[in-house]
Every structure is written in C-alpha cells, then in structure tokens.
Amino acid sequence: MGELASLPNIGKDTEEKLNKVGITTAAELRETGSKKAWLMIRSIDDTACLHRLYGLEGAVLGVKKSALSPETKKDLTEFFSSFS
C-alpha cells in the first residue's frame, strides 16, 4: 500500500480507486478535495457511497469519518443526494 493508505479512512480499495483516477498522494487528495475526488471515483465506480465520501473528507481533514462534525456530514449528505 502507498502513501494514501496512511491517511485515516483510506484502505486498499479506496487507495486503488484514487490511484486509478490520478490521485496518488495525500497532497493531491487535499488539493482535489473530497467532493471532487468522490466524483472522480464515481466515474469509474457507480457504487461509490456516502460513507466513501465521508471517508474521503475525513482523510482530507486527517480525522476518522466518525469525528466529522454534524454540519460537515449534513453538507456531504446533501451533496451526495444531488447525485442519487
């Protein structure tokens, strides 16, 4: 596993998908942002779920997804719902 797997919430599968869409470092993920990264993953995996979006946001912020604030989760849920 590479650099991305050292981030919270990023396992082997998510790291592989991020690599496939051209995101290979933590800096690239932070620069891209969770929403855009999720959309990029969704373009190759239509099963990309809300929990993956939460995980990406947590990785960007350096926290477990369970530590995301209610406001952040609400924002991400609304974003996710606009694509469902």
PDB file of N, CA and C in Angstrom:
ATOM      1  N   MET A   1       0.842  -1.178   0.000  1.00  0.00           N
ATOM      2  CA  MET A   1       0.000   0.000   0.000  1.00  0.00           C
ATOM      3  C   MET A   1       0.891   1.247   0.000  1.00  0.00           C
ATOM      4  N   GLY A   2       0.337   2.319  -0.539  1.00  0.00           N
ATOM      5  CA  GLY A   2       1.111   3.535  -0.697  1.00  0.00           C
ATOM      6  C   GLY A   2       0.807   4.592   0.340  1.00  0.00           C
ATOM      7  N   GLU A   3       1.183   5.792  -0.005  1.00  0.00           N
ATOM      8  CA  GLU A   3       1.054   6.936   0.898  1.00  0.00           C
ATOM      9  C   GLU A   3      -0.384   7.197   1.328  1.00  0.00           C
ATOM     10  N   LEU A   4      -1.325   7.049   0.407  1.00  0.00           N
ATOM     11  CA  LEU A   4      -2.717   7.366   0.735  1.00  0.00           C
ATOM     12  C   LEU A   4      -3.261   6.469   1.842  1.00  0.00           C
ATOM     13  N   ALA A   5      -2.818   5.219   1.873  1.00  0.00           N
ATOM     14  CA  ALA A   5      -3.317   4.284   2.885  1.00  0.00           C
ATOM     15  C   ALA A   5      -2.888   4.676   4.296  1.00  0.00           C
ATOM     16  N   SER A   6      -1.952   5.584   4.414  1.00  0.00           N
ATOM     17  CA  SER A   6      -1.547   6.046   5.748  1.00  0.00           C
ATOM     18  C   SER A   6      -2.530   7.077   6.308  1.00  0.00           C
ATOM     19  N   LEU A   7      -3.433   7.556   5.467  1.00  0.00           N
ATOM     20  CA  LEU A   7      -4.431   8.532   5.906  1.00  0.00           C
ATOM     21  C   LEU A   7      -5.599   7.827   6.583  1.00  0.00           C
ATOM     22  N   PRO A   8      -6.276   8.508   7.501  1.00  0.00           N
ATOM     23  CA  PRO A   8      -7.471   7.914   8.114  1.00  0.00           C
ATOM     24  C   PRO A   8      -8.505   7.573   7.043  1.00  0.00           C
ATOM     25  N   ASN A   9      -9.173   6.469   7.215  1.00  0.00           N
ATOM     26  CA  ASN A   9     -10.304   6.038   6.373  1.00  0.00           C
ATOM     27  C   ASN A   9      -9.912   5.509   4.992  1.00  0.00           C
ATOM     28  N   ILE A  10      -8.651   5.515   4.642  1.00  0.00           N
ATOM     29  CA  ILE A  10      -8.245   5.093   3.311  1.00  0.00           C
ATOM     30  C   ILE A  10      -7.652   3.686   3.392  1.00  0.00           C
ATOM     31  N   GLY A  11      -8.418   2.742   2.892  1.00  0.00           N
ATOM     32  CA  GLY A  11      -7.952   1.360   2.825  1.00  0.00           C
ATOM     33  C   GLY A  11      -7.443   1.045   1.433  1.00  0.00           C
ATOM     34  N   LYS A  12      -7.129  -0.203   1.228  1.00  0.00           N
ATOM     35  CA  LYS A  12      -6.555  -0.655  -0.043  1.00  0.00           C
ATOM     36  C   LYS A  12      -7.473  -0.341  -1.231  1.00  0.00           C
ATOM     37  N   ASP A  13      -8.759  -0.635  -1.095  1.00  0.00           N
ATOM     38  CA  ASP A  13      -9.698  -0.427  -2.198  1.00  0.00           C
ATOM     39  C   ASP A  13      -9.820   1.047  -2.570  1.00  0.00           C
ATOM     40  N   THR A  14      -9.983   1.888  -1.578  1.00  0.00           N
ATOM     41  CA  THR A  14     -10.108   3.321  -1.857  1.00  0.00           C
ATOM     42  C   THR A  14      -8.811   3.868  -2.433  1.00  0.00           C
ATOM     43  N   GLU A  15      -7.688   3.428  -1.894  1.00  0.00           N
ATOM     44  CA  GLU A  15      -6.406   3.879  -2.434  1.00  0.00           C
ATOM     45  C   GLU A  15      -6.265   3.474  -3.902  1.00  0.00           C
ATOM     46  N   GLU A  16      -6.634   2.252  -4.235  1.00  0.00           N
ATOM     47  CA  GLU A  16      -6.548   1.793  -5.628  1.00  0.00           C
ATOM     48  C   GLU A  16      -7.423   2.644  -6.539  1.00  0.00           C
ATOM     49  N   LYS A  17      -8.618   2.951  -6.077  1.00  0.00           N
ATOM     50  CA  LYS A  17      -9.525   3.769  -6.899  1.00  0.00           C
ATOM     51  C   LYS A  17      -8.993   5.193  -7.058  1.00  0.00           C
ATOM     52  N   LEU A  18      -8.472   5.760  -5.984  1.00  0.00           N
ATOM     53  CA  LEU A  18      -7.876   7.090  -6.083  1.00  0.00           C
ATOM     54  C   LEU A  18      -6.710   7.075  -7.071  1.00  0.00           C
ATOM     55  N   ASN A  19      -5.876   6.055  -7.003  1.00  0.00           N
ATOM     56  CA  ASN A  19      -4.750   5.941  -7.934  1.00  0.00           C
ATOM     57  C   ASN A  19      -5.239   5.853  -9.377  1.00  0.00           C
ATOM     58  N   LYS A  20      -6.324   5.099  -9.600  1.00  0.00           N
ATOM     59  CA  LYS A  20      -6.867   4.950 -10.961  1.00  0.00           C
ATOM     60  C   LYS A  20      -7.350   6.272 -11.542  1.00  0.00           C
ATOM     61  N   VAL A  21      -7.802   7.175 -10.684  1.00  0.00           N
ATOM     62  CA  VAL A  21      -8.285   8.469 -11.181  1.00  0.00           C
ATOM     63  C   VAL A  21      -7.204   9.541 -11.112  1.00  0.00           C
ATOM     64  N   GLY A  22      -5.975   9.135 -10.786  1.00  0.00           N
ATOM     65  CA  GLY A  22      -4.849  10.052 -10.852  1.00  0.00           C
ATOM     66  C   GLY A  22      -4.458  10.733  -9.559  1.00  0.00           C
ATOM     67  N   ILE A  23      -5.050  10.316  -8.450  1.00  0.00           N
ATOM     68  CA  ILE A  23      -4.692  10.885  -7.147  1.00  0.00           C
ATOM     69  C   ILE A  23      -3.807   9.865  -6.444  1.00  0.00           C
ATOM     70  N   THR A  24      -2.537  10.215  -6.253  1.00  0.00           N
ATOM     71  CA  THR A  24      -1.589   9.245  -5.704  1.00  0.00           C
ATOM     72  C   THR A  24      -0.912   9.691  -4.414  1.00  0.00           C
ATOM     73  N   THR A  25      -1.130  10.935  -4.019  1.00  0.00           N
ATOM     74  CA  THR A  25      -0.508  11.428  -2.794  1.00  0.00           C
ATOM     75  C   THR A  25      -1.542  12.127  -1.911  1.00  0.00           C
ATOM     76  N   ALA A  26      -1.188  12.258  -0.637  1.00  0.00           N
ATOM     77  CA  ALA A  26      -2.056  12.970   0.302  1.00  0.00           C
ATOM     78  C   ALA A  26      -2.234  14.421  -0.127  1.00  0.00           C
ATOM     79  N   ALA A  27      -1.161  15.030  -0.613  1.00  0.00           N
ATOM     80  CA  ALA A  27      -1.240  16.428  -1.059  1.00  0.00           C
ATOM     81  C   ALA A  27      -2.213  16.561  -2.233  1.00  0.00           C
ATOM     82  N   GLU A  28      -2.171  15.612  -3.151  1.00  0.00           N
ATOM     83  CA  GLU A  28      -3.099  15.656  -4.295  1.00  0.00           C
ATOM     84  C   GLU A  28      -4.532  15.490  -3.829  1.00  0.00           C
ATOM     85  N   LEU A  29      -4.760  14.628  -2.853  1.00  0.00           N
ATOM     86  CA  LEU A  29      -6.114  14.439  -2.332  1.00  0.00           C
ATOM     87  C   LEU A  29      -6.599  15.715  -1.651  1.00  0.00           C
ATOM     88  N   ARG A  30      -5.755  16.328  -0.839  1.00  0.00           N
ATOM     89  CA  ARG A  30      -6.154  17.576  -0.174  1.00  0.00           C
ATOM     90  C   ARG A  30      -6.438  18.668  -1.204  1.00  0.00           C
ATOM     91  N   GLU A  31      -5.603  18.758  -2.229  1.00  0.00           N
ATOM     92  CA  GLU A  31      -5.792  19.765  -3.267  1.00  0.00           C
ATOM     93  C   GLU A  31      -7.077  19.524  -4.056  1.00  0.00           C
ATOM     94  N   THR A  32      -7.373  18.271  -4.320  1.00  0.00           N
ATOM     95  CA  THR A  32      -8.572  17.910  -5.082  1.00  0.00           C
ATOM     96  C   THR A  32      -9.829  18.123  -4.260  1.00  0.00           C
ATOM     97  N   GLY A  33      -9.761  17.766  -2.982  1.00  0.00           N
ATOM     98  CA  GLY A  33     -10.925  17.862  -2.109  1.00  0.00           C
ATOM     99  C   GLY A  33     -11.771  16.611  -2.173  1.00  0.00           C
ATOM    100  N   SER A  34     -12.511  16.389  -1.118  1.00  0.00           N
ATOM    101  CA  SER A  34     -13.279  15.148  -1.009  1.00  0.00           C
ATOM    102  C   SER A  34     -14.384  15.033  -2.052  1.00  0.00           C
ATOM    103  N   LYS A  35     -15.078  16.116  -2.303  1.00  0.00           N
ATOM    104  CA  LYS A  35     -16.206  16.046  -3.233  1.00  0.00           C
ATOM    105  C   LYS A  35     -15.742  15.737  -4.656  1.00  0.00           C
ATOM    106  N   LYS A  36     -14.733  16.435  -5.110  1.00  0.00           N
ATOM    107  CA  LYS A  36     -14.231  16.189  -6.467  1.00  0.00           C
ATOM    108  C   LYS A  36     -13.609  14.798  -6.558  1.00  0.00           C
ATOM    109  N   ALA A  37     -12.865  14.397  -5.525  1.00  0.00           N
ATOM    110  CA  ALA A  37     -12.272  13.058  -5.526  1.00  0.00           C
ATOM    111  C   ALA A  37     -13.364  11.995  -5.578  1.00  0.00           C
ATOM    112  N   TRP A  38     -14.435  12.194  -4.817  1.00  0.00           N
ATOM    113  CA  TRP A  38     -15.548  11.246  -4.832  1.00  0.00           C
ATOM    114  C   TRP A  38     -16.180  11.179  -6.219  1.00  0.00           C
ATOM    115  N   LEU A  39     -16.374  12.329  -6.847  1.00  0.00           N
ATOM    116  CA  LEU A  39     -16.935  12.336  -8.200  1.00  0.00           C
ATOM    117  C   LEU A  39     -16.023  11.607  -9.182  1.00  0.00           C
ATOM    118  N   MET A  40     -14.731  11.775  -9.021  1.00  0.00           N
ATOM    119  CA  MET A  40     -13.784  11.085  -9.892  1.00  0.00           C
ATOM    120  C   MET A  40     -13.875   9.573  -9.677  1.00  0.00           C
ATOM    121  N   ILE A  41     -13.977   9.151  -8.425  1.00  0.00           N
ATOM    122  CA  ILE A  41     -14.133   7.717  -8.144  1.00  0.00           C
ATOM    123  C   ILE A  41     -15.464   7.220  -8.696  1.00  0.00           C
ATOM    124  N   ARG A  42     -16.502   7.999  -8.511  1.00  0.00           N
ATOM    125  CA  ARG A  42     -17.826   7.595  -9.000  1.00  0.00           C
ATOM    126  C   ARG A  42     -17.837   7.410 -10.520  1.00  0.00           C
ATOM    127  N   SER A  43     -16.981   8.130 -11.218  1.00  0.00           N
ATOM    128  CA  SER A  43     -16.924   7.994 -12.677  1.00  0.00           C
ATOM    129  C   SER A  43     -16.406   6.618 -13.100  1.00  0.00           C
ATOM    130  N   ILE A  44     -15.693   5.935 -12.198  1.00  0.00           N
ATOM    131  CA  ILE A  44     -15.205   4.593 -12.515  1.00  0.00           C
ATOM    132  C   ILE A  44     -15.872   3.514 -11.661  1.00  0.00           C
ATOM    133  N   ASP A  45     -16.656   3.936 -10.670  1.00  0.00           N
ATOM    134  CA  ASP A  45     -17.311   3.001  -9.755  1.00  0.00           C
ATOM    135  C   ASP A  45     -18.652   3.577  -9.327  1.00  0.00           C
ATOM    136  N   ASP A  46     -19.713   3.143  -9.994  1.00  0.00           N
ATOM    137  CA  ASP A  46     -21.023   3.727  -9.697  1.00  0.00           C
ATOM    138  C   ASP A  46     -21.594   3.273  -8.353  1.00  0.00           C
ATOM    139  N   THR A  47     -20.856   2.453  -7.620  1.00  0.00           N
ATOM    140  CA  THR A  47     -21.304   2.059  -6.279  1.00  0.00           C
ATOM    141  C   THR A  47     -20.698   2.954  -5.199  1.00  0.00           C
ATOM    142  N   ALA A  48     -19.965   4.002  -5.591  1.00  0.00           N
ATOM    143  CA  ALA A  48     -19.371   4.916  -4.606  1.00  0.00           C
ATOM    144  C   ALA A  48     -20.481   5.472  -3.709  1.00  0.00           C
ATOM    145  N   CYS A  49     -20.342   5.249  -2.410  1.00  0.00           N
ATOM    146  CA  CYS A  49     -21.426   5.553  -1.479  1.00  0.00           C
ATOM    147  C   CYS A  49     -21.110   6.773  -0.608  1.00  0.00           C
ATOM    148  N   LEU A  50     -22.100   7.140   0.177  1.00  0.00           N
ATOM    149  CA  LEU A  50     -21.969   8.271   1.089  1.00  0.00           C
ATOM    150  C   LEU A  50     -20.835   8.051   2.094  1.00  0.00           C
ATOM    151  N   HIS A  51     -20.689   6.828   2.568  1.00  0.00           N
ATOM    152  CA  HIS A  51     -19.641   6.558   3.546  1.00  0.00           C
ATOM    153  C   HIS A  51     -18.248   6.714   2.940  1.00  0.00           C
ATOM    154  N   ARG A  52     -18.119   6.446   1.651  1.00  0.00           N
ATOM    155  CA  ARG A  52     -16.833   6.695   0.994  1.00  0.00           C
ATOM    156  C   ARG A  52     -16.570   8.202   0.954  1.00  0.00           C
ATOM    157  N   LEU A  53     -17.600   8.985   0.679  1.00  0.00           N
ATOM    158  CA  LEU A  53     -17.460  10.443   0.675  1.00  0.00           C
ATOM    159  C   LEU A  53     -17.062  10.939   2.065  1.00  0.00           C
ATOM    160  N   TYR A  54     -17.722  10.430   3.105  1.00  0.00           N
ATOM    161  CA  TYR A  54     -17.344  10.778   4.479  1.00  0.00           C
ATOM    162  C   TYR A  54     -15.880  10.417   4.732  1.00  0.00           C
ATOM    163  N   GLY A  55     -15.488   9.232   4.294  1.00  0.00           N
ATOM    164  CA  GLY A  55     -14.118   8.783   4.497  1.00  0.00           C
ATOM    165  C   GLY A  55     -13.110   9.675   3.812  1.00  0.00           C
ATOM    166  N   LEU A  56     -13.428  10.094   2.596  1.00  0.00           N
ATOM    167  CA  LEU A  56     -12.529  10.988   1.868  1.00  0.00           C
ATOM    168  C   LEU A  56     -12.403  12.332   2.578  1.00  0.00           C
ATOM    169  N   GLU A  57     -13.510  12.854   3.067  1.00  0.00           N
ATOM    170  CA  GLU A  57     -13.466  14.126   3.796  1.00  0.00           C
ATOM    171  C   GLU A  57     -12.626  13.975   5.063  1.00  0.00           C
ATOM    172  N   GLY A  58     -12.821  12.881   5.771  1.00  0.00           N
ATOM    173  CA  GLY A  58     -12.015  12.637   6.946  1.00  0.00           C
ATOM    174  C   GLY A  58     -10.533  12.538   6.609  1.00  0.00           C
ATOM    175  N   ALA A  59     -10.215  11.884   5.502  1.00  0.00           N
ATOM    176  CA  ALA A  59      -8.814  11.770   5.079  1.00  0.00           C
ATOM    177  C   ALA A  59      -8.228  13.146   4.774  1.00  0.00           C
ATOM    178  N   VAL A  60      -9.001  13.975   4.108  1.00  0.00           N
ATOM    179  CA  VAL A  60      -8.544  15.335   3.796  1.00  0.00           C
ATOM    180  C   VAL A  60      -8.266  16.116   5.085  1.00  0.00           C
ATOM    181  N   LEU A  61      -9.138  15.934   6.065  1.00  0.00           N
ATOM    182  CA  LEU A  61      -9.006  16.661   7.331  1.00  0.00           C
ATOM    183  C   LEU A  61      -8.073  15.977   8.330  1.00  0.00           C
ATOM    184  N   GLY A  62      -7.727  14.714   8.052  1.00  0.00           N
ATOM    185  CA  GLY A  62      -6.851  13.980   8.950  1.00  0.00           C
ATOM    186  C   GLY A  62      -7.541  13.400  10.169  1.00  0.00           C
ATOM    187  N   VAL A  63      -8.862  13.091  10.016  1.00  0.00           N
ATOM    188  CA  VAL A  63      -9.629  12.526  11.134  1.00  0.00           C
ATOM    189  C   VAL A  63     -10.437  11.325  10.666  1.00  0.00           C
ATOM    190  N   LYS A  64     -10.836  10.487  11.609  1.00  0.00           N
ATOM    191  CA  LYS A  64     -11.741   9.384  11.266  1.00  0.00           C
ATOM    192  C   LYS A  64     -13.084   9.975  10.857  1.00  0.00           C
ATOM    193  N   LYS A  65     -13.772   9.278   9.955  1.00  0.00           N
ATOM    194  CA  LYS A  65     -15.045   9.815   9.464  1.00  0.00           C
ATOM    195  C   LYS A  65     -16.068   9.979  10.586  1.00  0.00           C
ATOM    196  N   SER A  66     -15.960   9.189  11.634  1.00  0.00           N
ATOM    197  CA  SER A  66     -16.892   9.317  12.763  1.00  0.00           C
ATOM    198  C   SER A  66     -16.676  10.627  13.526  1.00  0.00           C
ATOM    199  N   ALA A  67     -15.539  11.276  13.323  1.00  0.00           N
ATOM    200  CA  ALA A  67     -15.246  12.542  14.008  1.00  0.00           C
ATOM    201  C   ALA A  67     -15.686  13.770  13.207  1.00  0.00           C
ATOM    202  N   LEU A  68     -16.255  13.560  12.028  1.00  0.00           N
ATOM    203  CA  LEU A  68     -16.735  14.700  11.237  1.00  0.00           C
ATOM    204  C   LEU A  68     -17.880  15.387  11.976  1.00  0.00           C
ATOM    205  N   SER A  69     -17.929  16.683  11.875  1.00  0.00           N
ATOM    206  CA  SER A  69     -18.989  17.434  12.561  1.00  0.00           C
ATOM    207  C   SER A  69     -20.345  17.163  11.911  1.00  0.00           C
ATOM    208  N   PRO A  70     -21.414  17.338  12.680  1.00  0.00           N
ATOM    209  CA  PRO A  70     -22.753  17.175  12.102  1.00  0.00           C
ATOM    210  C   PRO A  70     -22.972  18.098  10.895  1.00  0.00           C
ATOM    211  N   GLU A  71     -22.433  19.302  10.952  1.00  0.00           N
ATOM    212  CA  GLU A  71     -22.593  20.240   9.834  1.00  0.00           C
ATOM    213  C   GLU A  71     -21.893  19.717   8.574  1.00  0.00           C
ATOM    214  N   THR A  72     -20.699  19.167   8.757  1.00  0.00           N
ATOM    215  CA  THR A  72     -19.957  18.618   7.619  1.00  0.00           C
ATOM    216  C   THR A  72     -20.701  17.428   7.042  1.00  0.00           C
ATOM    217  N   LYS A  73     -21.201  16.555   7.910  1.00  0.00           N
ATOM    218  CA  LYS A  73     -21.955  15.390   7.430  1.00  0.00           C
ATOM    219  C   LYS A  73     -23.217  15.822   6.691  1.00  0.00           C
ATOM    220  N   LYS A  74     -23.878  16.849   7.197  1.00  0.00           N
ATOM    221  CA  LYS A  74     -25.086  17.352   6.531  1.00  0.00           C
ATOM    222  C   LYS A  74     -24.742  17.880   5.142  1.00  0.00           C
ATOM    223  N   ASP A  75     -23.675  18.659   5.038  1.00  0.00           N
ATOM    224  CA  ASP A  75     -23.236  19.193   3.752  1.00  0.00           C
ATOM    225  C   ASP A  75     -22.899  18.066   2.777  1.00  0.00           C
ATOM    226  N   LEU A  76     -22.163  17.080   3.245  1.00  0.00           N
ATOM    227  CA  LEU A  76     -21.779  15.969   2.382  1.00  0.00           C
ATOM    228  C   LEU A  76     -22.994  15.136   1.980  1.00  0.00           C
ATOM    229  N   THR A  77     -23.932  14.960   2.900  1.00  0.00           N
ATOM    230  CA  THR A  77     -25.146  14.199   2.592  1.00  0.00           C
ATOM    231  C   THR A  77     -25.966  14.914   1.521  1.00  0.00           C
ATOM    232  N   GLU A  78     -26.082  16.226   1.629  1.00  0.00           N
ATOM    233  CA  GLU A  78     -26.814  16.987   0.610  1.00  0.00           C
ATOM    234  C   GLU A  78     -26.106  16.890  -0.746  1.00  0.00           C
ATOM    235  N   PHE A  79     -24.789  16.991  -0.733  1.00  0.00           N
ATOM    236  CA  PHE A  79     -24.021  16.845  -1.972  1.00  0.00           C
ATOM    237  C   PHE A  79     -24.258  15.467  -2.572  1.00  0.00           C
ATOM    238  N   PHE A  80     -24.133  14.423  -1.766  1.00  0.00           N
ATOM    239  CA  PHE A  80     -24.332  13.046  -2.234  1.00  0.00           C
ATOM    240  C   PHE A  80     -25.744  12.863  -2.795  1.00  0.00           C
ATOM    241  N   SER A  81     -26.730  13.397  -2.093  1.00  0.00           N
ATOM    242  CA  SER A  81     -28.127  13.239  -2.513  1.00  0.00           C
ATOM    243  C   SER A  81     -28.407  13.876  -3.867  1.00  0.00           C
ATOM    244  N   SER A  82     -27.650  14.889  -4.214  1.00  0.00           N
ATOM    245  CA  SER A  82     -27.868  15.543  -5.506  1.00  0.00           C
ATOM    246  C   SER A  82     -27.433  14.642  -6.674  1.00  0.00           C
ATOM    247  N   PHE A  83     -26.723  13.557  -6.379  1.00  0.00           N
ATOM    248  CA  PHE A  83     -26.282  12.627  -7.416  1.00  0.00           C
ATOM    249  C   PHE A  83     -26.999  11.281  -7.343  1.00  0.00           C
ATOM    250  N   SER A  84     -27.926  11.134  -6.417  1.00  0.00           N
ATOM    251  CA  SER A  84     -28.618   9.849  -6.249  1.00  0.00           C
ATOM    252  C   SER A  84     -29.918   9.799  -7.016  1.00  0.00           C
TER     253      SER A  84
END
